[in-house]
């Protein structure tokens, strides 16, 4: 009986460790971190036009193809993405430095008008998905989307 109990406990311990699932999709894994973590760090540490283009496309992927068990973008991602799109010079940087594959991410080639519209949409989506964020996001919308 004692051997059976030990066997049951050991087998339970090994089977419970094998299955992991994430609530949200963060762009896959690279070098022990999520793609989101790698690209966001790279962009904010040493920002280059290329890193900005990669980050914008990564945000679009996470928002457009939500995964994880919740099947919705992670908290804060729509707000970060929206804010990034609302920075006026980012549209010009993307237009000038994005690769052909990155440009195909967006249907519009007029980034100067598309990015602000999409940015406001993303901030509103953050509030829609996470109503508790309205206290922080609504003032941003008022200031940035005049």
N, C-alpha and C. Protein backbone atom coordinates (compact mmCIF):
# COMPACT_ATOMS: atom_id res chain seq x y z
N UNK A 1 0.83 -1.19 0.00
CA UNK A 1 0.00 0.00 0.00
C UNK A 1 0.87 1.25 0.00
N UNK A 2 1.94 1.21 0.80
CA UNK A 2 2.84 2.35 0.90
C UNK A 2 3.52 2.62 -0.45
N UNK A 3 3.92 1.55 -1.14
CA UNK A 3 4.56 1.70 -2.45
C UNK A 3 3.59 2.27 -3.47
N UNK A 4 2.34 1.86 -3.41
CA UNK A 4 1.32 2.36 -4.32
C UNK A 4 1.07 3.85 -4.11
N UNK A 5 1.04 4.28 -2.87
CA UNK A 5 0.84 5.69 -2.55
C UNK A 5 2.02 6.53 -3.04
N UNK A 6 3.22 6.05 -2.84
CA UNK A 6 4.42 6.76 -3.30
C UNK A 6 4.42 6.84 -4.83
N UNK A 7 4.08 5.74 -5.48
CA UNK A 7 4.03 5.72 -6.93
C UNK A 7 2.98 6.71 -7.45
N UNK A 8 1.84 6.77 -6.81
CA UNK A 8 0.79 7.69 -7.21
C UNK A 8 1.24 9.14 -7.05
N UNK A 9 1.89 9.47 -5.95
CA UNK A 9 2.37 10.83 -5.70
C UNK A 9 3.45 11.23 -6.71
N UNK A 10 4.38 10.33 -6.99
CA UNK A 10 5.44 10.63 -7.96
C UNK A 10 4.87 10.83 -9.36
N UNK A 11 3.95 9.95 -9.76
CA UNK A 11 3.37 10.09 -11.10
C UNK A 11 2.54 11.36 -11.21
N UNK A 12 1.84 11.74 -10.15
CA UNK A 12 1.08 13.00 -10.16
C UNK A 12 2.01 14.20 -10.28
N UNK A 13 3.12 14.16 -9.56
CA UNK A 13 4.08 15.27 -9.60
C UNK A 13 4.64 15.45 -11.01
N UNK A 14 4.95 14.37 -11.68
CA UNK A 14 5.52 14.48 -13.03
C UNK A 14 4.48 14.88 -14.06
N UNK A 15 3.26 14.42 -13.93
CA UNK A 15 2.25 14.77 -14.93
C UNK A 15 1.76 16.21 -14.76
N UNK A 16 1.76 16.73 -13.57
CA UNK A 16 1.28 18.09 -13.37
C UNK A 16 2.28 19.13 -13.84
N UNK A 17 3.54 18.78 -13.97
CA UNK A 17 4.57 19.73 -14.40
C UNK A 17 4.67 19.82 -15.91
N UNK A 18 4.15 18.87 -16.63
CA UNK A 18 4.36 18.82 -18.07
C UNK A 18 3.49 19.76 -18.87
N UNK A 19 2.36 20.14 -18.38
CA UNK A 19 1.45 20.96 -19.16
C UNK A 19 1.45 22.39 -18.62
N UNK A 20 1.89 23.29 -19.47
CA UNK A 20 1.82 24.70 -19.10
C UNK A 20 1.07 25.43 -20.19
N UNK A 21 0.23 26.32 -19.80
CA UNK A 21 -0.47 27.14 -20.79
C UNK A 21 -0.44 28.58 -20.30
N UNK A 22 -0.40 29.45 -21.24
CA UNK A 22 -0.33 30.87 -20.94
C UNK A 22 -1.71 31.49 -21.15
N UNK A 23 -2.04 32.44 -20.33
CA UNK A 23 -3.31 33.14 -20.50
C UNK A 23 -3.32 33.98 -21.77
N UNK A 24 -2.15 34.50 -22.15
CA UNK A 24 -2.06 35.42 -23.29
C UNK A 24 -0.93 35.02 -24.22
N UNK A 25 -1.05 35.44 -25.47
CA UNK A 25 -0.01 35.25 -26.47
C UNK A 25 0.88 36.48 -26.46
N UNK A 26 2.18 36.27 -26.30
CA UNK A 26 3.15 37.36 -26.24
C UNK A 26 4.11 37.34 -27.42
N UNK A 27 3.72 36.71 -28.53
CA UNK A 27 4.56 36.71 -29.72
C UNK A 27 5.54 35.56 -29.81
N UNK A 28 5.35 34.51 -29.05
CA UNK A 28 6.26 33.37 -29.10
C UNK A 28 7.46 33.54 -28.18
N UNK A 29 8.36 32.56 -28.21
CA UNK A 29 9.54 32.58 -27.34
C UNK A 29 10.81 32.64 -28.17
N UNK A 30 11.79 33.38 -27.64
CA UNK A 30 13.12 33.50 -28.23
C UNK A 30 14.12 33.62 -27.11
N UNK A 31 15.12 32.79 -27.10
CA UNK A 31 16.21 32.90 -26.13
C UNK A 31 15.72 32.99 -24.68
N UNK A 32 14.70 32.23 -24.33
CA UNK A 32 14.22 32.19 -22.96
C UNK A 32 13.30 33.33 -22.55
N UNK A 33 12.95 34.19 -23.48
CA UNK A 33 12.03 35.30 -23.19
C UNK A 33 11.02 35.39 -24.33
N UNK A 34 9.93 36.09 -24.09
CA UNK A 34 8.94 36.24 -25.15
C UNK A 34 9.46 37.21 -26.21
N UNK A 35 8.91 37.10 -27.40
CA UNK A 35 9.27 38.02 -28.48
C UNK A 35 8.97 39.45 -28.06
N UNK A 36 7.85 39.63 -27.39
CA UNK A 36 7.48 40.95 -26.89
C UNK A 36 8.58 41.52 -25.99
N UNK A 37 9.04 40.73 -25.03
CA UNK A 37 10.08 41.20 -24.11
C UNK A 37 11.36 41.55 -24.86
N UNK A 38 11.77 40.70 -25.78
CA UNK A 38 13.00 40.94 -26.54
C UNK A 38 12.91 42.20 -27.39
N UNK A 39 11.83 42.33 -28.16
CA UNK A 39 11.71 43.48 -29.05
C UNK A 39 11.48 44.79 -28.29
N UNK A 40 10.66 44.74 -27.24
CA UNK A 40 10.42 45.95 -26.47
C UNK A 40 11.70 46.43 -25.79
N UNK A 41 12.45 45.50 -25.23
CA UNK A 41 13.71 45.87 -24.59
C UNK A 41 14.69 46.45 -25.60
N UNK A 42 14.81 45.76 -26.74
CA UNK A 42 15.75 46.22 -27.77
C UNK A 42 15.37 47.62 -28.25
N UNK A 43 14.08 47.86 -28.46
CA UNK A 43 13.62 49.15 -28.96
C UNK A 43 13.85 50.26 -27.94
N UNK A 44 13.55 50.01 -26.69
CA UNK A 44 13.69 51.06 -25.68
C UNK A 44 15.12 51.22 -25.19
N UNK A 45 15.94 50.18 -25.34
CA UNK A 45 17.33 50.27 -24.92
C UNK A 45 18.15 51.05 -25.95
N UNK A 46 18.10 50.61 -27.19
CA UNK A 46 18.84 51.27 -28.27
C UNK A 46 17.90 51.38 -29.46
N UNK A 47 17.08 52.41 -29.43
CA UNK A 47 16.06 52.56 -30.47
C UNK A 47 16.70 52.87 -31.82
N UNK A 48 16.29 52.06 -32.80
CA UNK A 48 16.68 52.29 -34.18
C UNK A 48 15.41 52.27 -35.00
N UNK A 49 15.43 52.81 -36.20
CA UNK A 49 14.23 52.72 -37.04
C UNK A 49 13.80 51.28 -37.29
N UNK A 50 14.78 50.40 -37.44
CA UNK A 50 14.46 48.99 -37.70
C UNK A 50 13.79 48.34 -36.48
N UNK A 51 14.29 48.66 -35.28
CA UNK A 51 13.69 48.07 -34.08
C UNK A 51 12.27 48.60 -33.88
N UNK A 52 12.03 49.86 -34.22
CA UNK A 52 10.68 50.43 -34.11
C UNK A 52 9.74 49.73 -35.08
N UNK A 53 10.18 49.49 -36.31
CA UNK A 53 9.34 48.80 -37.30
C UNK A 53 9.00 47.39 -36.83
N UNK A 54 9.99 46.68 -36.30
CA UNK A 54 9.75 45.32 -35.79
C UNK A 54 8.76 45.35 -34.63
N UNK A 55 8.91 46.33 -33.74
CA UNK A 55 8.03 46.43 -32.57
C UNK A 55 6.59 46.72 -33.00
N UNK A 56 6.39 47.62 -33.94
CA UNK A 56 5.05 47.94 -34.43
C UNK A 56 4.41 46.69 -35.04
N UNK A 57 5.16 45.95 -35.83
CA UNK A 57 4.61 44.73 -36.45
C UNK A 57 4.33 43.65 -35.41
N UNK A 58 5.17 43.57 -34.39
CA UNK A 58 4.94 42.59 -33.33
C UNK A 58 3.66 42.92 -32.56
N UNK A 59 3.46 44.22 -32.25
CA UNK A 59 2.21 44.62 -31.58
C UNK A 59 1.01 44.26 -32.45
N UNK A 60 1.09 44.53 -33.73
CA UNK A 60 -0.03 44.22 -34.63
C UNK A 60 -0.31 42.72 -34.62
N UNK A 61 0.72 41.91 -34.61
CA UNK A 61 0.54 40.45 -34.57
C UNK A 61 -0.15 40.02 -33.27
N UNK A 62 0.30 40.55 -32.15
CA UNK A 62 -0.29 40.16 -30.87
C UNK A 62 -1.76 40.58 -30.79
N UNK A 63 -2.08 41.77 -31.28
CA UNK A 63 -3.45 42.28 -31.22
C UNK A 63 -4.35 41.57 -32.23
N UNK A 64 -3.82 41.32 -33.43
CA UNK A 64 -4.63 40.71 -34.48
C UNK A 64 -4.81 39.20 -34.32
N UNK A 65 -3.85 38.54 -33.70
CA UNK A 65 -3.89 37.09 -33.55
C UNK A 65 -3.77 36.70 -32.08
N UNK A 66 -4.73 37.10 -31.27
CA UNK A 66 -4.60 36.79 -29.84
C UNK A 66 -4.63 35.30 -29.61
N UNK A 67 -3.80 34.86 -28.71
CA UNK A 67 -3.74 33.44 -28.39
C UNK A 67 -3.87 33.25 -26.90
N UNK A 68 -3.26 32.20 -26.41
CA UNK A 68 -3.38 31.88 -25.00
C UNK A 68 -4.76 31.37 -24.69
N UNK A 69 -4.99 31.05 -23.47
CA UNK A 69 -6.29 30.49 -23.09
C UNK A 69 -7.40 31.53 -23.11
N UNK A 70 -7.07 32.81 -22.96
CA UNK A 70 -8.10 33.86 -22.95
C UNK A 70 -8.49 34.33 -24.34
N UNK A 71 -7.65 34.10 -25.35
CA UNK A 71 -7.93 34.51 -26.72
C UNK A 71 -8.22 36.00 -26.85
N UNK A 72 -7.44 36.80 -26.15
CA UNK A 72 -7.54 38.26 -26.25
C UNK A 72 -6.16 38.85 -25.99
N UNK A 73 -5.90 40.06 -26.48
CA UNK A 73 -4.58 40.66 -26.24
C UNK A 73 -4.30 40.81 -24.75
N UNK A 74 -3.04 40.71 -24.37
CA UNK A 74 -2.69 40.87 -22.95
C UNK A 74 -3.01 42.28 -22.46
N UNK A 75 -3.23 42.44 -21.16
CA UNK A 75 -3.50 43.77 -20.61
C UNK A 75 -2.36 44.73 -20.91
N UNK A 76 -2.72 45.92 -21.37
CA UNK A 76 -1.74 46.97 -21.63
C UNK A 76 -1.17 46.98 -23.02
N UNK A 77 -1.28 45.87 -23.76
CA UNK A 77 -0.68 45.81 -25.10
C UNK A 77 -1.38 46.77 -26.06
N UNK A 78 -2.69 46.80 -26.05
CA UNK A 78 -3.40 47.73 -26.95
C UNK A 78 -3.05 49.18 -26.62
N UNK A 79 -2.91 49.48 -25.34
CA UNK A 79 -2.55 50.84 -24.93
C UNK A 79 -1.13 51.19 -25.37
N UNK A 80 -0.19 50.28 -25.17
CA UNK A 80 1.19 50.53 -25.60
C UNK A 80 1.25 50.71 -27.12
N UNK A 81 0.58 49.84 -27.83
CA UNK A 81 0.56 49.89 -29.28
C UNK A 81 -0.08 51.19 -29.76
N UNK A 82 -1.22 51.54 -29.18
CA UNK A 82 -1.90 52.77 -29.56
C UNK A 82 -1.03 54.00 -29.33
N UNK A 83 -0.39 54.05 -28.18
CA UNK A 83 0.48 55.19 -27.87
C UNK A 83 1.63 55.27 -28.87
N UNK A 84 2.22 54.14 -29.21
CA UNK A 84 3.32 54.11 -30.16
C UNK A 84 2.87 54.63 -31.53
N UNK A 85 1.67 54.27 -31.95
CA UNK A 85 1.16 54.73 -33.24
C UNK A 85 0.81 56.21 -33.23
N UNK A 86 0.50 56.75 -32.07
CA UNK A 86 0.11 58.16 -31.99
C UNK A 86 1.31 59.12 -31.96
N UNK A 87 2.50 58.61 -31.83
CA UNK A 87 3.69 59.47 -31.89
C UNK A 87 3.90 59.83 -33.36
N UNK A 88 3.75 61.13 -33.71
CA UNK A 88 3.73 61.53 -35.12
C UNK A 88 4.92 61.07 -35.95
N UNK A 89 6.12 61.15 -35.42
CA UNK A 89 7.29 60.78 -36.22
C UNK A 89 7.38 59.28 -36.50
N UNK A 90 6.65 58.46 -35.75
CA UNK A 90 6.72 57.01 -35.97
C UNK A 90 6.13 56.60 -37.32
N UNK A 91 5.12 57.32 -37.80
CA UNK A 91 4.55 57.02 -39.11
C UNK A 91 5.60 57.26 -40.20
N UNK A 92 6.32 58.37 -40.10
CA UNK A 92 7.36 58.68 -41.09
C UNK A 92 8.51 57.68 -41.01
N UNK A 93 8.90 57.31 -39.80
CA UNK A 93 9.97 56.32 -39.63
C UNK A 93 9.56 54.99 -40.24
N UNK A 94 8.32 54.56 -39.98
CA UNK A 94 7.84 53.30 -40.53
C UNK A 94 7.80 53.36 -42.05
N UNK A 95 7.28 54.45 -42.60
CA UNK A 95 7.18 54.60 -44.06
C UNK A 95 8.55 54.52 -44.71
N UNK A 96 9.56 55.07 -44.07
CA UNK A 96 10.89 55.13 -44.66
C UNK A 96 11.72 53.86 -44.44
N UNK A 97 11.54 53.20 -43.29
CA UNK A 97 12.45 52.12 -42.91
C UNK A 97 11.84 50.71 -42.88
N UNK A 98 10.54 50.59 -43.01
CA UNK A 98 9.92 49.26 -42.94
C UNK A 98 10.28 48.44 -44.17
N UNK A 99 10.44 47.15 -43.96
CA UNK A 99 10.68 46.24 -45.08
C UNK A 99 9.38 46.03 -45.83
N UNK A 100 9.48 45.44 -47.01
CA UNK A 100 8.27 45.17 -47.81
C UNK A 100 7.32 44.25 -47.05
N UNK A 101 7.86 43.27 -46.35
CA UNK A 101 7.02 42.35 -45.56
C UNK A 101 6.33 43.11 -44.44
N UNK A 102 7.04 44.00 -43.76
CA UNK A 102 6.45 44.78 -42.68
C UNK A 102 5.37 45.71 -43.22
N UNK A 103 5.56 46.29 -44.39
CA UNK A 103 4.56 47.19 -44.98
C UNK A 103 3.27 46.44 -45.30
N UNK A 104 3.39 45.16 -45.67
CA UNK A 104 2.20 44.36 -46.00
C UNK A 104 1.34 44.09 -44.77
N UNK A 105 1.88 44.34 -43.58
CA UNK A 105 1.11 44.15 -42.35
C UNK A 105 -0.11 45.06 -42.34
N UNK A 106 0.02 46.22 -42.96
CA UNK A 106 -1.04 47.22 -42.96
C UNK A 106 -1.55 47.42 -44.39
N UNK A 107 -2.86 47.52 -44.53
CA UNK A 107 -3.47 47.69 -45.85
C UNK A 107 -3.17 49.07 -46.42
N UNK A 108 -3.06 50.05 -45.58
CA UNK A 108 -2.86 51.42 -46.02
C UNK A 108 -1.38 51.74 -46.20
N UNK A 109 -1.07 52.49 -47.24
CA UNK A 109 0.29 52.97 -47.44
C UNK A 109 0.45 54.39 -46.91
N UNK A 110 -0.67 55.01 -46.56
CA UNK A 110 -0.64 56.37 -46.02
C UNK A 110 -0.55 56.28 -44.50
N UNK A 111 0.64 56.03 -44.00
CA UNK A 111 0.84 55.82 -42.57
C UNK A 111 0.58 57.07 -41.75
N UNK A 112 0.78 58.25 -42.34
CA UNK A 112 0.58 59.50 -41.60
C UNK A 112 -0.87 59.69 -41.15
N UNK A 113 -1.82 59.18 -41.91
CA UNK A 113 -3.22 59.27 -41.48
C UNK A 113 -3.71 57.97 -40.84
N UNK A 114 -3.15 56.84 -41.29
CA UNK A 114 -3.58 55.54 -40.77
C UNK A 114 -3.13 55.32 -39.33
N UNK A 115 -1.89 55.65 -39.01
CA UNK A 115 -1.36 55.39 -37.67
C UNK A 115 -2.15 56.12 -36.58
N UNK A 116 -2.47 57.41 -36.72
CA UNK A 116 -3.26 58.07 -35.66
C UNK A 116 -4.65 57.44 -35.48
N UNK A 117 -5.29 57.09 -36.59
CA UNK A 117 -6.61 56.45 -36.48
C UNK A 117 -6.51 55.11 -35.76
N UNK A 118 -5.54 54.32 -36.16
CA UNK A 118 -5.33 53.00 -35.55
C UNK A 118 -4.92 53.15 -34.09
N UNK A 119 -4.12 54.17 -33.79
CA UNK A 119 -3.69 54.43 -32.41
C UNK A 119 -4.87 54.72 -31.50
N UNK A 120 -5.75 55.58 -31.95
CA UNK A 120 -6.95 55.90 -31.15
C UNK A 120 -7.83 54.65 -31.00
N UNK A 121 -7.96 53.88 -32.06
CA UNK A 121 -8.74 52.64 -32.01
C UNK A 121 -8.16 51.67 -30.97
N UNK A 122 -6.84 51.57 -30.92
CA UNK A 122 -6.20 50.67 -29.96
C UNK A 122 -6.40 51.13 -28.52
N UNK A 123 -6.32 52.44 -28.28
CA UNK A 123 -6.57 52.95 -26.92
C UNK A 123 -8.00 52.65 -26.50
N UNK A 124 -8.94 52.83 -27.42
CA UNK A 124 -10.34 52.52 -27.12
C UNK A 124 -10.55 51.03 -26.91
N UNK A 125 -9.83 50.22 -27.66
CA UNK A 125 -9.93 48.77 -27.50
C UNK A 125 -9.42 48.34 -26.13
N UNK A 126 -8.37 49.00 -25.64
CA UNK A 126 -7.85 48.71 -24.29
C UNK A 126 -8.95 48.91 -23.25
N UNK A 127 -9.67 50.02 -23.37
CA UNK A 127 -10.76 50.30 -22.43
C UNK A 127 -11.88 49.26 -22.58
N UNK A 128 -12.18 48.90 -23.81
CA UNK A 128 -13.23 47.91 -24.07
C UNK A 128 -12.88 46.55 -23.46
N UNK A 129 -11.63 46.12 -23.64
CA UNK A 129 -11.22 44.81 -23.14
C UNK A 129 -10.97 44.80 -21.64
N UNK A 130 -10.44 45.92 -21.14
CA UNK A 130 -10.09 46.04 -19.72
C UNK A 130 -10.68 47.34 -19.18
N UNK A 131 -11.97 47.33 -18.81
CA UNK A 131 -12.65 48.57 -18.38
C UNK A 131 -11.96 49.30 -17.23
N UNK A 132 -11.23 48.57 -16.41
CA UNK A 132 -10.53 49.21 -15.29
C UNK A 132 -9.44 50.16 -15.76
N UNK A 133 -9.04 50.03 -17.02
CA UNK A 133 -7.99 50.91 -17.56
C UNK A 133 -8.52 52.27 -17.99
N UNK A 134 -9.83 52.44 -18.00
CA UNK A 134 -10.43 53.70 -18.48
C UNK A 134 -9.92 54.92 -17.73
N UNK A 135 -9.67 54.76 -16.45
CA UNK A 135 -9.20 55.87 -15.62
C UNK A 135 -7.85 56.41 -16.13
N UNK A 136 -7.05 55.55 -16.70
CA UNK A 136 -5.72 55.95 -17.20
C UNK A 136 -5.74 56.26 -18.69
N UNK A 137 -6.53 55.53 -19.45
CA UNK A 137 -6.50 55.65 -20.91
C UNK A 137 -7.36 56.81 -21.40
N UNK A 138 -8.50 57.06 -20.78
CA UNK A 138 -9.38 58.15 -21.23
C UNK A 138 -8.66 59.50 -21.26
N UNK A 139 -7.89 59.87 -20.23
CA UNK A 139 -7.15 61.14 -20.33
C UNK A 139 -6.11 61.15 -21.46
N UNK A 140 -5.51 60.00 -21.74
CA UNK A 140 -4.57 59.92 -22.87
C UNK A 140 -5.30 60.18 -24.19
N UNK A 141 -6.45 59.60 -24.33
CA UNK A 141 -7.23 59.80 -25.56
C UNK A 141 -7.57 61.29 -25.71
N UNK A 142 -7.99 61.92 -24.61
CA UNK A 142 -8.32 63.36 -24.66
C UNK A 142 -7.12 64.20 -25.07
N UNK A 143 -5.95 63.90 -24.52
CA UNK A 143 -4.76 64.69 -24.81
C UNK A 143 -4.15 64.41 -26.16
N UNK A 144 -4.12 63.14 -26.54
CA UNK A 144 -3.39 62.76 -27.75
C UNK A 144 -4.23 62.74 -29.01
N UNK A 145 -5.54 62.66 -28.89
CA UNK A 145 -6.40 62.48 -30.06
C UNK A 145 -7.30 63.69 -30.29
N UNK A 146 -6.76 64.86 -30.19
CA UNK A 146 -7.56 66.09 -30.37
C UNK A 146 -7.83 66.34 -31.83
